[in-house]
Amino acid sequence: MDIAAYKRAVIDLRPTLLLVAKRITRNSEDAEDVVQEVCLKLWHRCRTDGEPDNVEAYCMTMTKNISIDKIRGRHPGEAVDEFLHTESEAHLPDELLEIREEHALIHRIIATLPPLQRKILLLKEIEGYETEEIVALTGVAVEAVRNNLSRARKRLREVYLDTRQKREAMLEILGKRE
């Protein structure tokens, strides 16, 4: 592929690749990075191994894979913090401490979930993906995604409520001693 053919291919495919990358990453900047990386890899491939048989299919597959890698590279804790974020000016110091403790508790509970349940829960509840998108990202069947999500939510709820109940009982005991 010569430079002119490469430029035509990139100009023609870029809008579609960008849409696919945005849909998967849910982030415009990440999508731009993905498309740029795809274009560079296409150029490198054409220079080293020759032009792919189907340039569009090659680029779409790379876009999907690089987008998924981009998501996997994110730190789940950052997404949870963003999801649980509250404005500090609106709360008293005691309330802020309680909110931070709740955040830490939720982080700890999520960290104890089995890997697939944790991944599906984060994709659905924190990242905002639809079930069908989670199926595409994980390669897990729709029913398995639903079951794992249900189990993760149930476990999160049970452990959270149990921990809160124990904490309140402990505070009540400590309050009676004073």
N, C-alpha and C. Protein backbone atom coordinates (compact mmCIF):
# COMPACT_ATOMS: atom_id res chain seq x y z
N MET A 1 0.86 -1.17 0.00
CA MET A 1 0.00 0.00 0.00
C MET A 1 0.90 1.23 0.00
N ASP A 2 0.67 2.11 -0.94
CA ASP A 2 1.46 3.33 -0.99
C ASP A 2 0.83 4.40 -0.08
N ILE A 3 1.51 5.53 0.05
CA ILE A 3 1.05 6.58 0.96
C ILE A 3 -0.33 7.10 0.58
N ALA A 4 -0.58 7.29 -0.70
CA ALA A 4 -1.88 7.81 -1.15
C ALA A 4 -3.01 6.84 -0.80
N ALA A 5 -2.79 5.55 -1.03
CA ALA A 5 -3.81 4.54 -0.70
C ALA A 5 -4.03 4.46 0.80
N TYR A 6 -2.95 4.58 1.56
CA TYR A 6 -3.05 4.57 3.02
C TYR A 6 -3.89 5.76 3.51
N LYS A 7 -3.59 6.95 2.99
CA LYS A 7 -4.34 8.14 3.38
C LYS A 7 -5.81 8.00 3.04
N ARG A 8 -6.12 7.48 1.86
CA ARG A 8 -7.53 7.28 1.48
C ARG A 8 -8.22 6.31 2.44
N ALA A 9 -7.53 5.22 2.75
CA ALA A 9 -8.10 4.22 3.65
C ALA A 9 -8.37 4.82 5.03
N VAL A 10 -7.40 5.56 5.54
CA VAL A 10 -7.54 6.16 6.87
C VAL A 10 -8.66 7.20 6.87
N ILE A 11 -8.71 8.03 5.84
CA ILE A 11 -9.75 9.06 5.76
C ILE A 11 -11.13 8.42 5.67
N ASP A 12 -11.25 7.34 4.89
CA ASP A 12 -12.54 6.67 4.74
C ASP A 12 -12.97 5.93 6.01
N LEU A 13 -12.02 5.27 6.67
CA LEU A 13 -12.35 4.42 7.81
C LEU A 13 -12.40 5.16 9.15
N ARG A 14 -11.70 6.25 9.26
CA ARG A 14 -11.55 6.94 10.55
C ARG A 14 -12.87 7.22 11.27
N PRO A 15 -13.88 7.81 10.60
CA PRO A 15 -15.14 8.08 11.32
C PRO A 15 -15.79 6.82 11.90
N THR A 16 -15.77 5.74 11.13
CA THR A 16 -16.37 4.49 11.60
C THR A 16 -15.57 3.92 12.76
N LEU A 17 -14.26 3.93 12.63
CA LEU A 17 -13.40 3.41 13.70
C LEU A 17 -13.58 4.22 14.98
N LEU A 18 -13.71 5.52 14.82
CA LEU A 18 -13.90 6.40 15.97
C LEU A 18 -15.23 6.09 16.68
N LEU A 19 -16.28 5.85 15.91
CA LEU A 19 -17.58 5.50 16.51
C LEU A 19 -17.49 4.19 17.29
N VAL A 20 -16.84 3.20 16.69
CA VAL A 20 -16.70 1.90 17.36
C VAL A 20 -15.89 2.06 18.65
N ALA A 21 -14.78 2.78 18.55
CA ALA A 21 -13.93 2.97 19.74
C ALA A 21 -14.66 3.75 20.83
N LYS A 22 -15.43 4.78 20.46
CA LYS A 22 -16.19 5.55 21.45
C LYS A 22 -17.25 4.69 22.11
N ARG A 23 -17.89 3.85 21.31
CA ARG A 23 -18.94 2.98 21.85
C ARG A 23 -18.36 2.02 22.89
N ILE A 24 -17.18 1.51 22.63
CA ILE A 24 -16.58 0.54 23.54
C ILE A 24 -15.94 1.23 24.75
N THR A 25 -15.15 2.28 24.50
CA THR A 25 -14.42 2.92 25.61
C THR A 25 -15.26 3.91 26.40
N ARG A 26 -16.30 4.43 25.76
CA ARG A 26 -17.16 5.44 26.39
C ARG A 26 -16.37 6.68 26.80
N ASN A 27 -15.34 6.98 26.01
CA ASN A 27 -14.48 8.11 26.33
C ASN A 27 -13.89 8.63 25.03
N SER A 28 -14.15 9.88 24.71
CA SER A 28 -13.70 10.46 23.44
C SER A 28 -12.19 10.48 23.30
N GLU A 29 -11.50 10.83 24.38
CA GLU A 29 -10.03 10.88 24.32
C GLU A 29 -9.44 9.49 24.11
N ASP A 30 -9.97 8.50 24.83
CA ASP A 30 -9.50 7.13 24.65
C ASP A 30 -9.79 6.65 23.23
N ALA A 31 -10.96 7.00 22.71
CA ALA A 31 -11.32 6.59 21.35
C ALA A 31 -10.35 7.18 20.34
N GLU A 32 -9.99 8.45 20.51
CA GLU A 32 -9.01 9.08 19.61
C GLU A 32 -7.67 8.35 19.68
N ASP A 33 -7.24 8.02 20.89
CA ASP A 33 -5.99 7.28 21.07
C ASP A 33 -6.04 5.92 20.37
N VAL A 34 -7.17 5.24 20.52
CA VAL A 34 -7.34 3.93 19.90
C VAL A 34 -7.21 4.04 18.39
N VAL A 35 -7.94 4.98 17.80
CA VAL A 35 -7.92 5.13 16.34
C VAL A 35 -6.53 5.51 15.85
N GLN A 36 -5.85 6.36 16.58
CA GLN A 36 -4.49 6.72 16.19
C GLN A 36 -3.58 5.49 16.22
N GLU A 37 -3.73 4.68 17.25
CA GLU A 37 -2.92 3.46 17.35
C GLU A 37 -3.23 2.49 16.22
N VAL A 38 -4.52 2.37 15.87
CA VAL A 38 -4.91 1.50 14.76
C VAL A 38 -4.27 1.98 13.46
N CYS A 39 -4.31 3.28 13.22
CA CYS A 39 -3.71 3.84 12.00
C CYS A 39 -2.21 3.58 11.94
N LEU A 40 -1.54 3.73 13.07
CA LEU A 40 -0.10 3.46 13.11
C LEU A 40 0.19 1.98 12.86
N LYS A 41 -0.60 1.11 13.48
CA LYS A 41 -0.39 -0.32 13.29
C LYS A 41 -0.69 -0.74 11.85
N LEU A 42 -1.69 -0.12 11.24
CA LEU A 42 -1.99 -0.41 9.83
C LEU A 42 -0.79 -0.03 8.97
N TRP A 43 -0.24 1.17 9.20
CA TRP A 43 0.91 1.63 8.42
C TRP A 43 2.10 0.67 8.62
N HIS A 44 2.35 0.30 9.86
CA HIS A 44 3.45 -0.62 10.16
C HIS A 44 3.22 -1.97 9.48
N ARG A 45 2.02 -2.47 9.55
CA ARG A 45 1.68 -3.76 8.92
C ARG A 45 1.91 -3.69 7.41
N CYS A 46 1.46 -2.61 6.79
CA CYS A 46 1.64 -2.45 5.34
C CYS A 46 3.13 -2.40 4.98
N ARG A 47 3.93 -1.79 5.82
CA ARG A 47 5.37 -1.67 5.55
C ARG A 47 6.11 -2.98 5.78
N THR A 48 5.71 -3.76 6.78
CA THR A 48 6.45 -4.97 7.13
C THR A 48 5.89 -6.24 6.50
N ASP A 49 4.58 -6.43 6.57
CA ASP A 49 3.97 -7.68 6.11
C ASP A 49 3.10 -7.51 4.87
N GLY A 50 2.99 -6.32 4.37
CA GLY A 50 2.13 -6.08 3.22
C GLY A 50 0.72 -5.73 3.65
N GLU A 51 -0.06 -5.28 2.70
CA GLU A 51 -1.43 -4.85 2.96
C GLU A 51 -2.31 -6.03 3.35
N PRO A 52 -3.14 -5.87 4.38
CA PRO A 52 -4.07 -6.95 4.75
C PRO A 52 -5.05 -7.20 3.60
N ASP A 53 -5.57 -8.42 3.52
CA ASP A 53 -6.54 -8.76 2.46
C ASP A 53 -7.76 -7.86 2.53
N ASN A 54 -8.26 -7.62 3.74
CA ASN A 54 -9.43 -6.77 3.92
C ASN A 54 -9.06 -5.70 4.95
N VAL A 55 -8.68 -4.53 4.46
CA VAL A 55 -8.20 -3.44 5.31
C VAL A 55 -9.26 -3.04 6.33
N GLU A 56 -10.52 -2.94 5.89
CA GLU A 56 -11.59 -2.51 6.80
C GLU A 56 -11.77 -3.51 7.94
N ALA A 57 -11.84 -4.80 7.62
CA ALA A 57 -12.01 -5.82 8.66
C ALA A 57 -10.81 -5.83 9.60
N TYR A 58 -9.63 -5.69 9.05
CA TYR A 58 -8.41 -5.65 9.86
C TYR A 58 -8.46 -4.48 10.85
N CYS A 59 -8.83 -3.32 10.36
CA CYS A 59 -8.89 -2.12 11.21
C CYS A 59 -10.00 -2.23 12.26
N MET A 60 -11.14 -2.77 11.87
CA MET A 60 -12.25 -2.92 12.83
C MET A 60 -11.87 -3.88 13.95
N THR A 61 -11.24 -4.98 13.59
CA THR A 61 -10.82 -5.95 14.60
C THR A 61 -9.79 -5.33 15.55
N MET A 62 -8.83 -4.61 14.98
CA MET A 62 -7.84 -3.94 15.82
C MET A 62 -8.49 -2.90 16.72
N THR A 63 -9.45 -2.16 16.18
CA THR A 63 -10.13 -1.13 16.97
C THR A 63 -10.83 -1.76 18.17
N LYS A 64 -11.54 -2.84 17.92
CA LYS A 64 -12.25 -3.53 19.00
C LYS A 64 -11.25 -4.04 20.05
N ASN A 65 -10.20 -4.69 19.60
CA ASN A 65 -9.23 -5.27 20.54
C ASN A 65 -8.48 -4.21 21.34
N ILE A 66 -8.05 -3.16 20.68
CA ILE A 66 -7.32 -2.10 21.38
C ILE A 66 -8.24 -1.36 22.35
N SER A 67 -9.51 -1.18 21.96
CA SER A 67 -10.48 -0.53 22.85
C SER A 67 -10.69 -1.36 24.11
N ILE A 68 -10.82 -2.66 23.94
CA ILE A 68 -11.00 -3.54 25.09
C ILE A 68 -9.75 -3.50 25.98
N ASP A 69 -8.58 -3.51 25.36
CA ASP A 69 -7.34 -3.39 26.14
C ASP A 69 -7.30 -2.08 26.92
N LYS A 70 -7.80 -1.02 26.31
CA LYS A 70 -7.82 0.29 26.94
C LYS A 70 -8.71 0.24 28.20
N ILE A 71 -9.86 -0.42 28.08
CA ILE A 71 -10.77 -0.56 29.23
C ILE A 71 -10.11 -1.39 30.32
N ARG A 72 -9.48 -2.48 29.93
CA ARG A 72 -8.83 -3.35 30.91
C ARG A 72 -7.70 -2.63 31.63
N GLY A 73 -7.10 -1.67 30.95
CA GLY A 73 -5.99 -0.93 31.54
C GLY A 73 -6.41 0.11 32.55
N ARG A 74 -7.69 0.43 32.55
CA ARG A 74 -8.18 1.40 33.53
C ARG A 74 -8.11 0.79 34.91
N HIS A 75 -7.97 1.64 35.89
CA HIS A 75 -7.94 1.16 37.27
C HIS A 75 -9.37 1.17 37.81
N PRO A 76 -9.92 -0.01 38.12
CA PRO A 76 -11.30 -0.07 38.60
C PRO A 76 -11.57 0.83 39.79
N GLY A 77 -10.60 0.99 40.66
CA GLY A 77 -10.79 1.85 41.83
C GLY A 77 -11.09 3.28 41.46
N GLU A 78 -10.49 3.76 40.37
CA GLU A 78 -10.75 5.12 39.92
C GLU A 78 -12.21 5.26 39.50
N ALA A 79 -12.72 4.26 38.81
CA ALA A 79 -14.11 4.31 38.36
C ALA A 79 -15.06 4.27 39.56
N VAL A 80 -14.73 3.46 40.55
CA VAL A 80 -15.58 3.38 41.75
C VAL A 80 -15.57 4.72 42.47
N ASP A 81 -14.38 5.32 42.61
CA ASP A 81 -14.29 6.63 43.27
C ASP A 81 -15.13 7.66 42.54
N GLU A 82 -15.06 7.64 41.22
CA GLU A 82 -15.83 8.59 40.42
C GLU A 82 -17.33 8.37 40.63
N PHE A 83 -17.74 7.10 40.67
CA PHE A 83 -19.13 6.74 40.84
C PHE A 83 -19.64 7.18 42.22
N LEU A 84 -18.82 7.04 43.22
CA LEU A 84 -19.22 7.35 44.59
C LEU A 84 -18.91 8.78 45.00
N HIS A 85 -18.36 9.57 44.09
CA HIS A 85 -17.89 10.93 44.40
C HIS A 85 -19.01 11.80 44.96
N THR A 86 -18.68 12.53 45.99
CA THR A 86 -19.61 13.52 46.55
C THR A 86 -18.84 14.80 46.80
N GLU A 87 -19.53 15.91 46.73
CA GLU A 87 -18.88 17.21 46.91
C GLU A 87 -18.57 17.44 48.38
N SER A 88 -17.31 17.67 48.68
CA SER A 88 -16.89 17.81 50.06
C SER A 88 -17.45 19.06 50.73
N GLU A 89 -17.68 20.13 49.98
CA GLU A 89 -18.19 21.36 50.59
C GLU A 89 -19.59 21.16 51.18
N ALA A 90 -20.32 20.19 50.69
CA ALA A 90 -21.70 20.01 51.10
C ALA A 90 -21.82 19.22 52.40
N HIS A 91 -20.71 18.76 52.97
CA HIS A 91 -20.79 17.89 54.14
C HIS A 91 -19.91 18.41 55.28
N LEU A 92 -20.34 18.09 56.47
CA LEU A 92 -19.55 18.38 57.66
C LEU A 92 -18.42 17.35 57.75
N PRO A 93 -17.38 17.65 58.51
CA PRO A 93 -16.25 16.72 58.61
C PRO A 93 -16.66 15.31 59.04
N ASP A 94 -17.59 15.20 59.99
CA ASP A 94 -18.04 13.88 60.43
C ASP A 94 -18.72 13.13 59.29
N GLU A 95 -19.53 13.86 58.52
CA GLU A 95 -20.21 13.24 57.38
C GLU A 95 -19.20 12.79 56.33
N LEU A 96 -18.18 13.62 56.10
CA LEU A 96 -17.14 13.26 55.14
C LEU A 96 -16.41 11.99 55.57
N LEU A 97 -16.11 11.88 56.85
CA LEU A 97 -15.44 10.69 57.36
C LEU A 97 -16.32 9.46 57.14
N GLU A 98 -17.60 9.60 57.42
CA GLU A 98 -18.52 8.50 57.23
C GLU A 98 -18.61 8.10 55.75
N ILE A 99 -18.66 9.10 54.87
CA ILE A 99 -18.71 8.83 53.43
C ILE A 99 -17.45 8.09 52.99
N ARG A 100 -16.29 8.55 53.47
CA ARG A 100 -15.03 7.89 53.11
C ARG A 100 -15.00 6.45 53.60
N GLU A 101 -15.52 6.23 54.80
CA GLU A 101 -15.58 4.87 55.34
C GLU A 101 -16.49 3.99 54.49
N GLU A 102 -17.61 4.55 54.05
CA GLU A 102 -18.53 3.80 53.18
C GLU A 102 -17.85 3.45 51.85
N HIS A 103 -17.14 4.42 51.29
CA HIS A 103 -16.42 4.18 50.03
C HIS A 103 -15.40 3.06 50.21
N ALA A 104 -14.65 3.14 51.30
CA ALA A 104 -13.62 2.13 51.56
C ALA A 104 -14.26 0.75 51.74
N LEU A 105 -15.38 0.70 52.43
CA LEU A 105 -16.08 -0.56 52.63
C LEU A 105 -16.53 -1.14 51.29
N ILE A 106 -17.11 -0.31 50.45
CA ILE A 106 -17.57 -0.78 49.14
C ILE A 106 -16.39 -1.27 48.30
N HIS A 107 -15.28 -0.54 48.33
CA HIS A 107 -14.06 -0.97 47.63
C HIS A 107 -13.63 -2.36 48.10
N ARG A 108 -13.60 -2.54 49.43
CA ARG A 108 -13.15 -3.82 49.99
C ARG A 108 -14.09 -4.95 49.59
N ILE A 109 -15.38 -4.70 49.62
CA ILE A 109 -16.34 -5.74 49.26
C ILE A 109 -16.19 -6.11 47.78
N ILE A 110 -16.11 -5.12 46.92
CA ILE A 110 -15.95 -5.38 45.49
C ILE A 110 -14.67 -6.17 45.23
N ALA A 111 -13.62 -5.84 45.95
CA ALA A 111 -12.34 -6.54 45.76
C ALA A 111 -12.42 -8.02 46.14
N THR A 112 -13.38 -8.39 47.00
CA THR A 112 -13.49 -9.79 47.42
C THR A 112 -14.35 -10.62 46.47
N LEU A 113 -15.02 -9.98 45.53
CA LEU A 113 -15.86 -10.73 44.59
C LEU A 113 -14.99 -11.58 43.67
N PRO A 114 -15.53 -12.71 43.19
CA PRO A 114 -14.79 -13.48 42.18
C PRO A 114 -14.50 -12.58 40.97
N PRO A 115 -13.38 -12.81 40.28
CA PRO A 115 -12.96 -11.91 39.20
C PRO A 115 -14.03 -11.61 38.15
N LEU A 116 -14.73 -12.62 37.68
CA LEU A 116 -15.74 -12.38 36.64
C LEU A 116 -16.90 -11.54 37.18
N GLN A 117 -17.35 -11.84 38.39
CA GLN A 117 -18.43 -11.06 38.99
C GLN A 117 -17.99 -9.61 39.20
N ARG A 118 -16.76 -9.43 39.68
CA ARG A 118 -16.23 -8.09 39.90
C ARG A 118 -16.18 -7.32 38.58
N LYS A 119 -15.65 -7.96 37.54
CA LYS A 119 -15.52 -7.31 36.24
C LYS A 119 -16.89 -6.91 35.69
N ILE A 120 -17.84 -7.82 35.74
CA ILE A 120 -19.18 -7.55 35.21
C ILE A 120 -19.87 -6.45 36.03
N LEU A 121 -19.75 -6.50 37.34
CA LEU A 121 -20.35 -5.47 38.20
C LEU A 121 -19.76 -4.10 37.88
N LEU A 122 -18.45 -4.01 37.76
CA LEU A 122 -17.81 -2.73 37.46
C LEU A 122 -18.22 -2.22 36.08
N LEU A 123 -18.26 -3.12 35.09
CA LEU A 123 -18.66 -2.69 33.75
C LEU A 123 -20.10 -2.18 33.74
N LYS A 124 -20.98 -2.87 34.43
CA LYS A 124 -22.41 -2.51 34.42
C LYS A 124 -22.70 -1.30 35.31
N GLU A 125 -22.32 -1.37 36.55
CA GLU A 125 -22.73 -0.36 37.53
C GLU A 125 -21.83 0.87 37.57
N ILE A 126 -20.57 0.69 37.31
CA ILE A 126 -19.64 1.81 37.41
C ILE A 126 -19.39 2.44 36.05
N GLU A 127 -19.06 1.60 35.06
CA GLU A 127 -18.76 2.11 33.72
C GLU A 127 -20.01 2.39 32.90
N GLY A 128 -21.15 1.80 33.28
CA GLY A 128 -22.41 2.09 32.61
C GLY A 128 -22.68 1.31 31.34
N TYR A 129 -22.03 0.17 31.15
CA TYR A 129 -22.23 -0.62 29.94
C TYR A 129 -23.56 -1.37 29.99
N GLU A 130 -24.14 -1.57 28.83
CA GLU A 130 -25.35 -2.38 28.69
C GLU A 130 -24.94 -3.85 28.70
N THR A 131 -25.89 -4.73 28.99
CA THR A 131 -25.61 -6.16 29.06
C THR A 131 -24.98 -6.68 27.76
N GLU A 132 -25.53 -6.26 26.63
CA GLU A 132 -25.03 -6.73 25.34
C GLU A 132 -23.58 -6.29 25.12
N GLU A 133 -23.24 -5.10 25.59
CA GLU A 133 -21.86 -4.62 25.46
C GLU A 133 -20.92 -5.43 26.36
N ILE A 134 -21.40 -5.79 27.53
CA ILE A 134 -20.60 -6.61 28.44
C ILE A 134 -20.36 -7.98 27.82
N VAL A 135 -21.39 -8.52 27.17
CA VAL A 135 -21.24 -9.80 26.46
C VAL A 135 -20.13 -9.68 25.42
N ALA A 136 -20.14 -8.59 24.65
CA ALA A 136 -19.13 -8.40 23.61
C ALA A 136 -17.73 -8.22 24.22
N LEU A 137 -17.64 -7.53 25.33
CA LEU A 137 -16.34 -7.27 25.95
C LEU A 137 -15.76 -8.49 26.64
N THR A 138 -16.62 -9.30 27.26
CA THR A 138 -16.14 -10.42 28.05
C THR A 138 -16.18 -11.75 27.32
N GLY A 139 -17.02 -11.85 26.30
CA GLY A 139 -17.18 -13.12 25.59
C GLY A 139 -18.01 -14.12 26.36
N VAL A 140 -18.71 -13.65 27.38
CA VAL A 140 -19.56 -14.50 28.22
C VAL A 140 -21.00 -14.41 27.69
N ALA A 141 -21.74 -15.50 27.77
CA ALA A 141 -23.12 -15.53 27.29
C ALA A 141 -24.00 -14.54 28.08
N VAL A 142 -25.07 -14.07 27.43
CA VAL A 142 -25.97 -13.09 28.05
C VAL A 142 -26.49 -13.58 29.40
N GLU A 143 -26.94 -14.81 29.44
CA GLU A 143 -27.50 -15.35 30.69
C GLU A 143 -26.43 -15.42 31.78
N ALA A 144 -25.21 -15.76 31.40
CA ALA A 144 -24.11 -15.82 32.37
C ALA A 144 -23.79 -14.42 32.90
N VAL A 145 -23.86 -13.41 32.04
CA VAL A 145 -23.63 -12.03 32.49
C VAL A 145 -24.69 -11.65 33.50
N ARG A 146 -25.95 -11.94 33.18
CA ARG A 146 -27.05 -11.61 34.11
C ARG A 146 -26.90 -12.34 35.44
N ASN A 147 -26.57 -13.63 35.38
CA ASN A 147 -26.41 -14.41 36.61
C ASN A 147 -25.25 -13.89 37.47
N ASN A 148 -24.12 -13.62 36.83
CA ASN A 148 -22.96 -13.11 37.57
C ASN A 148 -23.24 -11.74 38.15
N LEU A 149 -23.94 -10.90 37.41
CA LEU A 149 -24.29 -9.57 37.91
C LEU A 149 -25.22 -9.68 39.11
N SER A 150 -26.20 -10.56 39.01
CA SER A 150 -27.13 -10.77 40.11
C SER A 150 -26.41 -11.27 41.36
N ARG A 151 -25.52 -12.23 41.17
CA ARG A 151 -24.76 -12.77 42.31
C ARG A 151 -23.86 -11.70 42.93
N ALA A 152 -23.22 -10.91 42.08
CA ALA A 152 -22.34 -9.85 42.58
C ALA A 152 -23.13 -8.82 43.38
N ARG A 153 -24.27 -8.40 42.85
CA ARG A 153 -25.11 -7.43 43.57
C ARG A 153 -25.58 -8.01 44.90
N LYS A 154 -26.01 -9.26 44.87
CA LYS A 154 -26.51 -9.91 46.08
C LYS A 154 -25.41 -9.98 47.14
N ARG A 155 -24.22 -10.40 46.72
CA ARG A 155 -23.09 -10.52 47.65
C ARG A 155 -22.71 -9.15 48.21
N LEU A 156 -22.65 -8.15 47.33
CA LEU A 156 -22.32 -6.79 47.76
C LEU A 156 -23.33 -6.30 48.79
N ARG A 157 -24.61 -6.50 48.50
CA ARG A 157 -25.68 -6.07 49.41
C ARG A 157 -25.58 -6.80 50.75
N GLU A 158 -25.41 -8.14 50.70
CA GLU A 158 -25.35 -8.93 51.93
C GLU A 158 -24.17 -8.53 52.82
N VAL A 159 -23.00 -8.45 52.23
CA VAL A 159 -21.81 -8.12 53.01
C VAL A 159 -21.90 -6.69 53.54
N TYR A 160 -22.39 -5.78 52.71
CA TYR A 160 -22.53 -4.38 53.12
C TYR A 160 -23.48 -4.28 54.32
N LEU A 161 -24.66 -4.88 54.20
CA LEU A 161 -25.65 -4.80 55.28
C LEU A 161 -25.15 -5.49 56.55
N ASP A 162 -24.49 -6.63 56.40
CA ASP A 162 -23.95 -7.35 57.55
C ASP A 162 -22.88 -6.51 58.25
N THR A 163 -22.01 -5.91 57.47
CA THR A 163 -20.95 -5.08 58.04
C THR A 163 -21.53 -3.86 58.76
N ARG A 164 -22.52 -3.23 58.14
CA ARG A 164 -23.17 -2.06 58.76
C ARG A 164 -23.84 -2.46 60.08
N GLN A 165 -24.52 -3.60 60.05
CA GLN A 165 -25.22 -4.06 61.25
C GLN A 165 -24.21 -4.32 62.39
N LYS A 166 -23.10 -4.96 62.07
CA LYS A 166 -22.08 -5.22 63.08
C LYS A 166 -21.48 -3.92 63.60
N ARG A 167 -21.24 -2.98 62.71
CA ARG A 167 -20.67 -1.69 63.09
C ARG A 167 -21.63 -0.96 64.03
N GLU A 168 -22.92 -0.94 63.70
CA GLU A 168 -23.91 -0.26 64.54
C GLU A 168 -24.02 -0.93 65.91
N ALA A 169 -23.96 -2.27 65.93
CA ALA A 169 -24.02 -2.99 67.20
C ALA A 169 -22.81 -2.64 68.06
N MET A 170 -21.65 -2.56 67.43
CA MET A 170 -20.43 -2.21 68.16
C MET A 170 -20.51 -0.79 68.70
N LEU A 171 -21.01 0.13 67.91
CA LEU A 171 -21.16 1.52 68.36
C LEU A 171 -22.16 1.61 69.52
N GLU A 172 -23.19 0.80 69.46
CA GLU A 172 -24.18 0.79 70.54
C GLU A 172 -23.55 0.28 71.83
N ILE A 173 -22.75 -0.78 71.72
CA ILE A 173 -22.07 -1.32 72.90
C ILE A 173 -21.10 -0.28 73.47
N LEU A 174 -20.34 0.35 72.60
CA LEU A 174 -19.38 1.36 73.05
C LEU A 174 -20.10 2.57 73.65
N GLY A 175 -21.26 2.91 73.11
CA GLY A 175 -22.03 4.04 73.62
C GLY A 175 -22.57 3.78 75.01
N LYS A 176 -22.91 2.54 75.32
CA LYS A 176 -23.43 2.20 76.64
C LYS A 176 -22.34 2.23 77.71
N ARG A 177 -21.10 2.03 77.32
CA ARG A 177 -19.99 2.00 78.29
C ARG A 177 -19.59 3.40 78.73
N GLU A 178 -19.89 4.40 77.95
CA GLU A 178 -19.44 5.76 78.28
C GLU A 178 -20.24 6.39 79.36
